[in-house]
N, C-alpha and C. Protein backbone atom coordinates (compact mmCIF):
# COMPACT_ATOMS: atom_id res chain seq x y z
N MET A 1 94.34 89.62 77.13
CA MET A 1 94.05 91.01 77.42
C MET A 1 95.30 91.71 77.95
N GLN A 2 95.59 92.86 77.43
CA GLN A 2 96.75 93.63 77.91
C GLN A 2 96.33 94.43 79.14
N HIS A 3 97.16 94.42 80.15
CA HIS A 3 96.87 95.14 81.39
C HIS A 3 97.43 96.55 81.32
N LEU A 4 96.67 97.49 81.83
CA LEU A 4 97.15 98.87 81.93
C LEU A 4 98.05 99.03 83.14
N THR A 5 97.93 98.13 84.08
CA THR A 5 98.76 98.17 85.28
C THR A 5 99.11 96.73 85.65
N ASP A 6 99.80 96.56 86.74
CA ASP A 6 100.18 95.21 87.18
C ASP A 6 98.94 94.43 87.62
N ASN A 7 99.11 93.13 87.81
CA ASN A 7 98.00 92.29 88.27
C ASN A 7 97.66 92.54 89.73
N TYR A 8 98.61 93.10 90.47
CA TYR A 8 98.46 93.27 91.91
C TYR A 8 97.54 94.43 92.27
N THR A 9 97.68 95.58 91.62
CA THR A 9 97.03 96.81 92.05
C THR A 9 95.51 96.70 92.20
N PRO A 10 94.78 96.16 91.22
CA PRO A 10 93.32 96.10 91.41
C PRO A 10 92.90 95.26 92.63
N LEU A 11 93.59 94.15 92.88
CA LEU A 11 93.27 93.33 94.06
C LEU A 11 93.61 94.09 95.34
N HIS A 12 94.74 94.79 95.32
CA HIS A 12 95.16 95.61 96.45
C HIS A 12 94.09 96.66 96.74
N GLU A 13 93.62 97.34 95.71
CA GLU A 13 92.61 98.39 95.92
C GLU A 13 91.33 97.81 96.52
N ASP A 14 90.92 96.64 96.07
CA ASP A 14 89.72 95.99 96.62
C ASP A 14 89.90 95.67 98.10
N ARG A 15 91.06 95.12 98.45
CA ARG A 15 91.31 94.76 99.86
C ARG A 15 91.41 96.01 100.73
N VAL A 16 92.05 97.06 100.22
CA VAL A 16 92.14 98.31 100.97
C VAL A 16 90.74 98.87 101.19
N ALA A 17 89.90 98.82 100.17
CA ALA A 17 88.52 99.33 100.29
C ALA A 17 87.76 98.58 101.38
N GLN A 18 87.89 97.26 101.40
CA GLN A 18 87.19 96.47 102.42
C GLN A 18 87.63 96.87 103.82
N LEU A 19 88.94 97.00 104.02
CA LEU A 19 89.45 97.37 105.35
C LEU A 19 89.08 98.81 105.70
N ALA A 20 89.20 99.72 104.76
CA ALA A 20 88.88 101.13 105.03
C ALA A 20 87.41 101.28 105.43
N VAL A 21 86.53 100.56 104.77
CA VAL A 21 85.10 100.60 105.12
C VAL A 21 84.89 100.09 106.53
N ARG A 22 85.56 99.01 106.88
CA ARG A 22 85.42 98.47 108.25
C ARG A 22 85.92 99.46 109.29
N ILE A 23 87.03 100.14 109.00
CA ILE A 23 87.54 101.17 109.91
C ILE A 23 86.53 102.31 110.04
N ALA A 24 86.01 102.78 108.92
CA ALA A 24 85.04 103.89 108.93
C ALA A 24 83.78 103.50 109.70
N GLN A 25 83.33 102.27 109.53
CA GLN A 25 82.16 101.79 110.28
C GLN A 25 82.46 101.74 111.77
N GLN A 26 83.65 101.28 112.12
CA GLN A 26 84.07 101.23 113.52
C GLN A 26 84.08 102.63 114.13
N MET A 27 84.39 103.64 113.31
CA MET A 27 84.44 105.03 113.76
C MET A 27 83.07 105.70 113.69
N ASN A 28 82.04 104.93 113.30
CA ASN A 28 80.66 105.42 113.22
C ASN A 28 80.49 106.61 112.28
N LEU A 29 81.18 106.58 111.15
CA LEU A 29 81.02 107.63 110.15
C LEU A 29 79.67 107.48 109.46
N ALA A 30 79.16 108.59 108.96
CA ALA A 30 77.89 108.59 108.22
C ALA A 30 78.03 107.75 106.96
N SER A 31 76.92 107.20 106.50
CA SER A 31 76.95 106.28 105.35
C SER A 31 77.52 106.94 104.10
N ALA A 32 77.26 108.22 103.87
CA ALA A 32 77.81 108.90 102.68
C ALA A 32 79.33 108.97 102.75
N ARG A 33 79.86 109.19 103.94
CA ARG A 33 81.32 109.24 104.10
C ARG A 33 81.93 107.86 103.88
N ILE A 34 81.25 106.82 104.37
CA ILE A 34 81.72 105.45 104.17
C ILE A 34 81.70 105.10 102.69
N GLU A 35 80.64 105.52 102.00
CA GLU A 35 80.55 105.28 100.55
C GLU A 35 81.69 105.98 99.82
N ALA A 36 81.99 107.22 100.22
CA ALA A 36 83.08 107.97 99.59
C ALA A 36 84.42 107.27 99.81
N ILE A 37 84.65 106.77 101.03
CA ILE A 37 85.89 106.04 101.33
C ILE A 37 85.97 104.78 100.47
N SER A 38 84.88 104.06 100.36
CA SER A 38 84.86 102.83 99.57
C SER A 38 85.20 103.13 98.11
N MET A 39 84.57 104.16 97.56
CA MET A 39 84.83 104.53 96.16
C MET A 39 86.27 104.98 95.97
N ALA A 40 86.76 105.82 96.88
CA ALA A 40 88.12 106.34 96.76
C ALA A 40 89.15 105.21 96.88
N ALA A 41 88.94 104.32 97.84
CA ALA A 41 89.89 103.21 98.03
C ALA A 41 89.92 102.31 96.80
N ALA A 42 88.77 102.12 96.17
CA ALA A 42 88.67 101.24 95.02
C ALA A 42 89.45 101.76 93.81
N VAL A 43 89.80 103.05 93.81
CA VAL A 43 90.52 103.64 92.67
C VAL A 43 91.75 104.43 93.11
N HIS A 44 92.19 104.28 94.36
CA HIS A 44 93.22 105.18 94.90
C HIS A 44 94.56 105.10 94.17
N ASP A 45 94.84 104.00 93.52
CA ASP A 45 96.11 103.86 92.80
C ASP A 45 95.96 103.91 91.28
N ILE A 46 94.86 104.46 90.80
CA ILE A 46 94.60 104.51 89.35
C ILE A 46 95.73 105.21 88.59
N GLY A 47 96.40 106.14 89.24
CA GLY A 47 97.50 106.86 88.61
C GLY A 47 98.72 106.00 88.33
N LYS A 48 98.73 104.78 88.87
CA LYS A 48 99.85 103.88 88.59
C LYS A 48 99.86 103.41 87.14
N VAL A 49 98.78 103.68 86.39
CA VAL A 49 98.80 103.34 84.97
C VAL A 49 99.90 104.11 84.25
N ASP A 50 100.36 105.18 84.86
CA ASP A 50 101.40 106.02 84.29
C ASP A 50 102.82 105.54 84.65
N ILE A 51 102.93 104.51 85.49
CA ILE A 51 104.22 104.01 85.97
C ILE A 51 104.59 102.75 85.17
N PRO A 52 105.81 102.67 84.63
CA PRO A 52 106.20 101.45 83.91
C PRO A 52 106.14 100.21 84.81
N LEU A 53 105.65 99.11 84.25
CA LEU A 53 105.52 97.86 85.01
C LEU A 53 106.84 97.40 85.59
N LYS A 54 107.94 97.64 84.87
CA LYS A 54 109.24 97.19 85.38
C LYS A 54 109.60 97.90 86.69
N ILE A 55 109.06 99.09 86.91
CA ILE A 55 109.28 99.79 88.18
C ILE A 55 108.27 99.33 89.22
N LEU A 56 107.00 99.20 88.83
CA LEU A 56 105.97 98.73 89.78
C LEU A 56 106.30 97.36 90.35
N ASN A 57 106.88 96.51 89.51
CA ASN A 57 107.14 95.12 89.91
C ASN A 57 108.60 94.86 90.25
N LYS A 58 109.40 95.90 90.36
CA LYS A 58 110.84 95.72 90.57
C LYS A 58 111.12 95.04 91.92
N PRO A 59 111.85 93.93 91.88
CA PRO A 59 112.27 93.33 93.15
C PRO A 59 113.40 94.17 93.74
N GLY A 60 113.45 94.25 95.03
CA GLY A 60 114.53 95.02 95.67
C GLY A 60 114.21 96.49 95.78
N ARG A 61 115.21 97.22 96.19
CA ARG A 61 115.06 98.64 96.51
C ARG A 61 114.95 99.49 95.24
N LEU A 62 114.06 100.48 95.28
CA LEU A 62 113.93 101.44 94.19
C LEU A 62 115.01 102.51 94.32
N THR A 63 115.48 103.02 93.19
CA THR A 63 116.39 104.17 93.24
C THR A 63 115.57 105.40 93.64
N ALA A 64 116.24 106.48 94.01
CA ALA A 64 115.54 107.73 94.36
C ALA A 64 114.69 108.21 93.19
N ALA A 65 115.22 108.12 91.98
CA ALA A 65 114.47 108.56 90.78
C ALA A 65 113.23 107.68 90.56
N GLU A 66 113.38 106.37 90.78
CA GLU A 66 112.23 105.46 90.62
C GLU A 66 111.16 105.75 91.67
N PHE A 67 111.59 106.00 92.91
CA PHE A 67 110.62 106.30 93.95
C PHE A 67 109.93 107.63 93.67
N ASP A 68 110.67 108.61 93.16
CA ASP A 68 110.05 109.89 92.78
C ASP A 68 108.98 109.66 91.72
N LEU A 69 109.26 108.77 90.78
CA LEU A 69 108.28 108.46 89.74
C LEU A 69 107.05 107.77 90.35
N ILE A 70 107.26 106.81 91.23
CA ILE A 70 106.15 106.13 91.92
C ILE A 70 105.27 107.16 92.64
N LYS A 71 105.89 108.13 93.29
CA LYS A 71 105.13 109.13 94.05
C LYS A 71 104.21 109.97 93.17
N THR A 72 104.49 110.05 91.86
CA THR A 72 103.62 110.83 90.97
C THR A 72 102.24 110.22 90.82
N HIS A 73 102.08 108.93 91.20
CA HIS A 73 100.77 108.29 91.00
C HIS A 73 99.65 108.98 91.76
N VAL A 74 99.96 109.61 92.88
CA VAL A 74 98.92 110.26 93.68
C VAL A 74 98.36 111.46 92.92
N GLN A 75 99.24 112.30 92.40
CA GLN A 75 98.79 113.47 91.65
C GLN A 75 98.08 113.06 90.36
N VAL A 76 98.61 112.05 89.67
CA VAL A 76 97.97 111.56 88.44
C VAL A 76 96.58 111.02 88.77
N SER A 77 96.46 110.26 89.84
CA SER A 77 95.15 109.74 90.26
C SER A 77 94.18 110.89 90.48
N TYR A 78 94.62 111.90 91.23
CA TYR A 78 93.76 113.06 91.50
C TYR A 78 93.37 113.76 90.20
N ASP A 79 94.34 113.99 89.34
CA ASP A 79 94.08 114.71 88.09
C ASP A 79 93.07 113.97 87.21
N VAL A 80 93.13 112.63 87.19
CA VAL A 80 92.17 111.83 86.43
C VAL A 80 90.80 111.88 87.10
N LEU A 81 90.77 111.64 88.41
CA LEU A 81 89.49 111.53 89.12
C LEU A 81 88.74 112.86 89.20
N LYS A 82 89.46 113.98 89.25
CA LYS A 82 88.76 115.27 89.35
C LYS A 82 88.01 115.61 88.05
N LEU A 83 88.31 114.90 86.96
CA LEU A 83 87.59 115.11 85.70
C LEU A 83 86.22 114.43 85.69
N ILE A 84 86.01 113.55 86.68
CA ILE A 84 84.75 112.81 86.79
C ILE A 84 83.85 113.57 87.76
N ASN A 85 82.58 113.65 87.43
CA ASN A 85 81.63 114.39 88.26
C ASN A 85 81.11 113.51 89.40
N PHE A 86 81.92 113.37 90.44
CA PHE A 86 81.51 112.61 91.62
C PHE A 86 80.61 113.48 92.50
N SER A 87 79.64 112.86 93.15
CA SER A 87 78.82 113.60 94.12
C SER A 87 79.48 113.58 95.50
N LEU A 88 80.56 112.83 95.62
CA LEU A 88 81.30 112.70 96.88
C LEU A 88 82.75 113.13 96.63
N PRO A 89 83.51 113.48 97.68
CA PRO A 89 84.87 114.00 97.49
C PRO A 89 85.93 112.93 97.19
N VAL A 90 85.63 112.04 96.27
CA VAL A 90 86.53 110.93 95.93
C VAL A 90 87.92 111.41 95.51
N PRO A 91 88.02 112.37 94.57
CA PRO A 91 89.37 112.81 94.16
C PRO A 91 90.18 113.38 95.32
N GLU A 92 89.54 114.14 96.18
CA GLU A 92 90.24 114.76 97.32
C GLU A 92 90.71 113.71 98.32
N ILE A 93 89.90 112.67 98.54
CA ILE A 93 90.29 111.59 99.45
C ILE A 93 91.53 110.89 98.89
N VAL A 94 91.50 110.58 97.60
CA VAL A 94 92.64 109.91 96.96
C VAL A 94 93.88 110.79 97.02
N TRP A 95 93.71 112.09 96.80
CA TRP A 95 94.82 113.04 96.80
C TRP A 95 95.59 113.02 98.12
N GLY A 96 94.92 112.68 99.22
CA GLY A 96 95.55 112.70 100.54
C GLY A 96 96.02 111.35 101.05
N HIS A 97 95.99 110.29 100.24
CA HIS A 97 96.25 108.96 100.81
C HIS A 97 97.72 108.66 101.09
N HIS A 98 98.63 109.54 100.73
CA HIS A 98 100.04 109.39 101.12
C HIS A 98 100.53 110.60 101.92
N GLU A 99 99.59 111.38 102.44
CA GLU A 99 99.93 112.50 103.32
C GLU A 99 99.96 111.97 104.75
N TYR A 100 100.82 112.58 105.58
CA TYR A 100 100.94 112.14 106.97
C TYR A 100 100.63 113.29 107.92
N MET A 101 100.16 112.93 109.09
CA MET A 101 99.75 113.91 110.11
C MET A 101 100.87 114.91 110.42
N ASP A 102 102.13 114.47 110.35
CA ASP A 102 103.26 115.35 110.69
C ASP A 102 103.76 116.17 109.50
N GLY A 103 103.09 116.05 108.34
CA GLY A 103 103.47 116.83 107.17
C GLY A 103 104.56 116.20 106.32
N SER A 104 105.00 114.98 106.66
CA SER A 104 106.11 114.35 105.95
C SER A 104 105.68 113.54 104.71
N GLY A 105 104.39 113.56 104.39
CA GLY A 105 103.91 112.78 103.25
C GLY A 105 104.01 113.53 101.94
N TYR A 106 103.33 112.98 100.94
CA TYR A 106 103.35 113.59 99.60
C TYR A 106 101.98 113.41 98.96
N PRO A 107 101.61 114.19 97.95
CA PRO A 107 102.43 115.09 97.16
C PRO A 107 102.50 116.52 97.67
N ARG A 108 101.62 116.90 98.62
CA ARG A 108 101.55 118.31 99.02
C ARG A 108 102.25 118.62 100.33
N GLY A 109 102.55 117.60 101.14
CA GLY A 109 103.18 117.85 102.43
C GLY A 109 102.25 118.53 103.43
N ILE A 110 100.94 118.26 103.29
CA ILE A 110 99.97 118.84 104.23
C ILE A 110 99.98 118.03 105.52
N SER A 111 99.36 118.58 106.57
CA SER A 111 99.42 117.91 107.88
C SER A 111 98.12 118.05 108.64
N GLY A 112 98.00 117.24 109.70
CA GLY A 112 96.89 117.34 110.65
C GLY A 112 95.53 117.39 109.98
N ASP A 113 94.72 118.36 110.42
CA ASP A 113 93.35 118.48 109.93
C ASP A 113 93.26 118.96 108.49
N GLN A 114 94.40 119.33 107.88
CA GLN A 114 94.38 119.65 106.43
C GLN A 114 94.10 118.38 105.63
N ILE A 115 94.35 117.23 106.24
CA ILE A 115 94.12 115.94 105.59
C ILE A 115 92.72 115.47 105.96
N LEU A 116 91.90 115.19 104.97
CA LEU A 116 90.56 114.69 105.25
C LEU A 116 90.62 113.42 106.10
N LEU A 117 89.67 113.28 107.02
CA LEU A 117 89.60 112.07 107.84
C LEU A 117 89.52 110.84 106.94
N GLU A 118 88.76 110.94 105.86
CA GLU A 118 88.63 109.81 104.94
C GLU A 118 89.99 109.42 104.36
N SER A 119 90.83 110.40 104.06
CA SER A 119 92.18 110.11 103.55
C SER A 119 93.02 109.45 104.63
N ARG A 120 92.88 109.92 105.87
CA ARG A 120 93.64 109.33 106.98
C ARG A 120 93.27 107.87 107.18
N ILE A 121 91.99 107.55 106.99
CA ILE A 121 91.53 106.16 107.08
C ILE A 121 92.12 105.34 105.93
N LEU A 122 92.08 105.91 104.73
CA LEU A 122 92.64 105.22 103.56
C LEU A 122 94.13 104.96 103.74
N THR A 123 94.85 105.90 104.33
CA THR A 123 96.29 105.74 104.56
C THR A 123 96.57 104.53 105.45
N VAL A 124 95.85 104.43 106.56
CA VAL A 124 96.06 103.32 107.50
C VAL A 124 95.71 101.99 106.83
N ALA A 125 94.57 101.95 106.15
CA ALA A 125 94.16 100.71 105.48
C ALA A 125 95.18 100.31 104.42
N ASP A 126 95.72 101.29 103.70
CA ASP A 126 96.71 101.04 102.65
C ASP A 126 97.99 100.46 103.24
N ILE A 127 98.45 101.01 104.36
CA ILE A 127 99.67 100.51 105.01
C ILE A 127 99.46 99.07 105.49
N VAL A 128 98.36 98.82 106.17
CA VAL A 128 98.10 97.48 106.72
C VAL A 128 97.99 96.46 105.59
N GLU A 129 97.23 96.80 104.55
CA GLU A 129 97.07 95.86 103.45
C GLU A 129 98.40 95.64 102.72
N SER A 130 99.15 96.71 102.50
CA SER A 130 100.42 96.60 101.77
C SER A 130 101.42 95.71 102.51
N MET A 131 101.43 95.82 103.83
CA MET A 131 102.40 95.03 104.60
C MET A 131 101.94 93.59 104.80
N SER A 132 100.64 93.37 104.93
CA SER A 132 100.14 92.05 105.32
C SER A 132 99.84 91.13 104.15
N GLU A 133 99.97 91.62 102.92
CA GLU A 133 99.73 90.80 101.73
C GLU A 133 101.01 90.67 100.92
N ASP A 134 101.07 89.64 100.11
CA ASP A 134 102.19 89.49 99.18
C ASP A 134 102.17 90.66 98.20
N ARG A 135 103.35 91.16 97.87
CA ARG A 135 103.50 92.20 96.86
C ARG A 135 104.22 91.57 95.66
N PRO A 136 104.17 92.20 94.50
CA PRO A 136 104.87 91.62 93.35
C PRO A 136 106.38 91.45 93.62
N TYR A 137 106.93 92.29 94.48
CA TYR A 137 108.37 92.31 94.71
C TYR A 137 108.80 91.71 96.05
N ARG A 138 107.84 91.26 96.89
CA ARG A 138 108.21 90.62 98.14
C ARG A 138 107.01 89.88 98.73
N LYS A 139 107.30 88.92 99.58
CA LYS A 139 106.26 88.17 100.28
C LYS A 139 105.67 89.03 101.40
N SER A 140 104.50 88.64 101.87
CA SER A 140 103.83 89.33 102.97
C SER A 140 104.76 89.43 104.19
N LEU A 141 104.70 90.58 104.85
CA LEU A 141 105.44 90.75 106.11
C LEU A 141 104.59 90.30 107.29
N GLY A 142 103.31 90.04 107.05
CA GLY A 142 102.42 89.52 108.08
C GLY A 142 101.63 90.61 108.80
N MET A 143 100.47 90.22 109.31
CA MET A 143 99.59 91.16 110.00
C MET A 143 100.22 91.66 111.30
N ASP A 144 100.98 90.81 112.00
CA ASP A 144 101.60 91.25 113.25
C ASP A 144 102.54 92.44 113.02
N LEU A 145 103.37 92.36 111.98
CA LEU A 145 104.27 93.48 111.67
C LEU A 145 103.50 94.71 111.22
N ALA A 146 102.43 94.50 110.46
CA ALA A 146 101.61 95.62 110.00
C ALA A 146 101.00 96.35 111.21
N VAL A 147 100.50 95.59 112.16
CA VAL A 147 99.92 96.17 113.38
C VAL A 147 101.00 96.91 114.18
N GLN A 148 102.17 96.31 114.32
CA GLN A 148 103.28 96.99 115.02
C GLN A 148 103.63 98.31 114.35
N GLU A 149 103.64 98.31 113.02
CA GLU A 149 104.01 99.52 112.27
C GLU A 149 102.99 100.64 112.45
N ILE A 150 101.70 100.33 112.36
CA ILE A 150 100.72 101.42 112.54
C ILE A 150 100.71 101.92 113.98
N LYS A 151 100.98 101.03 114.93
CA LYS A 151 101.11 101.48 116.33
C LYS A 151 102.30 102.41 116.48
N ARG A 152 103.43 102.07 115.83
CA ARG A 152 104.64 102.89 115.89
C ARG A 152 104.40 104.27 115.28
N LEU A 153 103.64 104.33 114.20
CA LEU A 153 103.39 105.59 113.49
C LEU A 153 102.22 106.39 114.06
N SER A 154 101.46 105.78 114.97
CA SER A 154 100.29 106.44 115.56
C SER A 154 100.71 107.68 116.34
N GLY A 155 100.03 108.78 116.05
CA GLY A 155 100.30 110.01 116.79
C GLY A 155 101.33 110.91 116.13
N ASN A 156 102.17 110.36 115.24
CA ASN A 156 103.07 111.25 114.50
C ASN A 156 102.66 111.26 113.03
N ARG A 157 102.79 110.14 112.34
CA ARG A 157 102.38 110.11 110.93
C ARG A 157 100.91 109.75 110.75
N LEU A 158 100.39 108.91 111.64
CA LEU A 158 99.02 108.42 111.50
C LEU A 158 98.11 108.94 112.59
N ASP A 159 96.85 109.14 112.24
CA ASP A 159 95.83 109.60 113.17
C ASP A 159 95.59 108.50 114.22
N PRO A 160 95.81 108.80 115.50
CA PRO A 160 95.67 107.75 116.53
C PRO A 160 94.25 107.18 116.62
N ASP A 161 93.23 107.99 116.34
CA ASP A 161 91.85 107.49 116.39
C ASP A 161 91.61 106.47 115.27
N VAL A 162 92.19 106.73 114.10
CA VAL A 162 92.06 105.81 112.98
C VAL A 162 92.83 104.52 113.27
N VAL A 163 94.03 104.65 113.82
CA VAL A 163 94.82 103.47 114.17
C VAL A 163 94.05 102.62 115.18
N GLU A 164 93.48 103.24 116.19
CA GLU A 164 92.72 102.50 117.22
C GLU A 164 91.54 101.77 116.59
N ALA A 165 90.82 102.44 115.71
CA ALA A 165 89.67 101.79 115.03
C ALA A 165 90.15 100.62 114.18
N CYS A 166 91.29 100.79 113.51
CA CYS A 166 91.84 99.69 112.70
C CYS A 166 92.21 98.51 113.58
N LEU A 167 92.82 98.77 114.71
CA LEU A 167 93.21 97.70 115.62
C LEU A 167 91.99 96.91 116.11
N GLN A 168 90.85 97.59 116.22
CA GLN A 168 89.62 96.92 116.66
C GLN A 168 89.06 95.97 115.59
N VAL A 169 89.35 96.26 114.31
CA VAL A 169 88.73 95.46 113.24
C VAL A 169 89.66 94.42 112.61
N VAL A 170 90.99 94.52 112.86
CA VAL A 170 91.89 93.51 112.26
C VAL A 170 92.16 92.38 113.23
């Protein structure tokens, strides 16, 4: 079977979904919001089908042009998902999963409460999972480093309430 994306991304999305749901439950979100987070996390990187595998799996540092191409996956994911008639804000949650509280994220550079809480949860889960698991281009950095990183980013790039809930469940 030919893959539309790398072997890593679907497993990554599943693990992110599991962690994001646990964070949302820890934050006592309503079941519909938890369901939306689960659905969004399960497809948050669908736009990576548009990225060449040699870039997705590249060992070592990406060039600025390669990283710019990687960043397009968020908009592509949103553009694909908004064509589906979801009863929950799945496309909007995915659209915000690389946005940061301080406005330094992408693709829109939005900040604070402009970012859905569900997206803020997805962001934290994505960072923790990405750092604590093996990637195609590097070995796991470990859960301890992932926890240190979200603590470091708490209050500027990451929502401190989401970080605290994540710390309770990992």
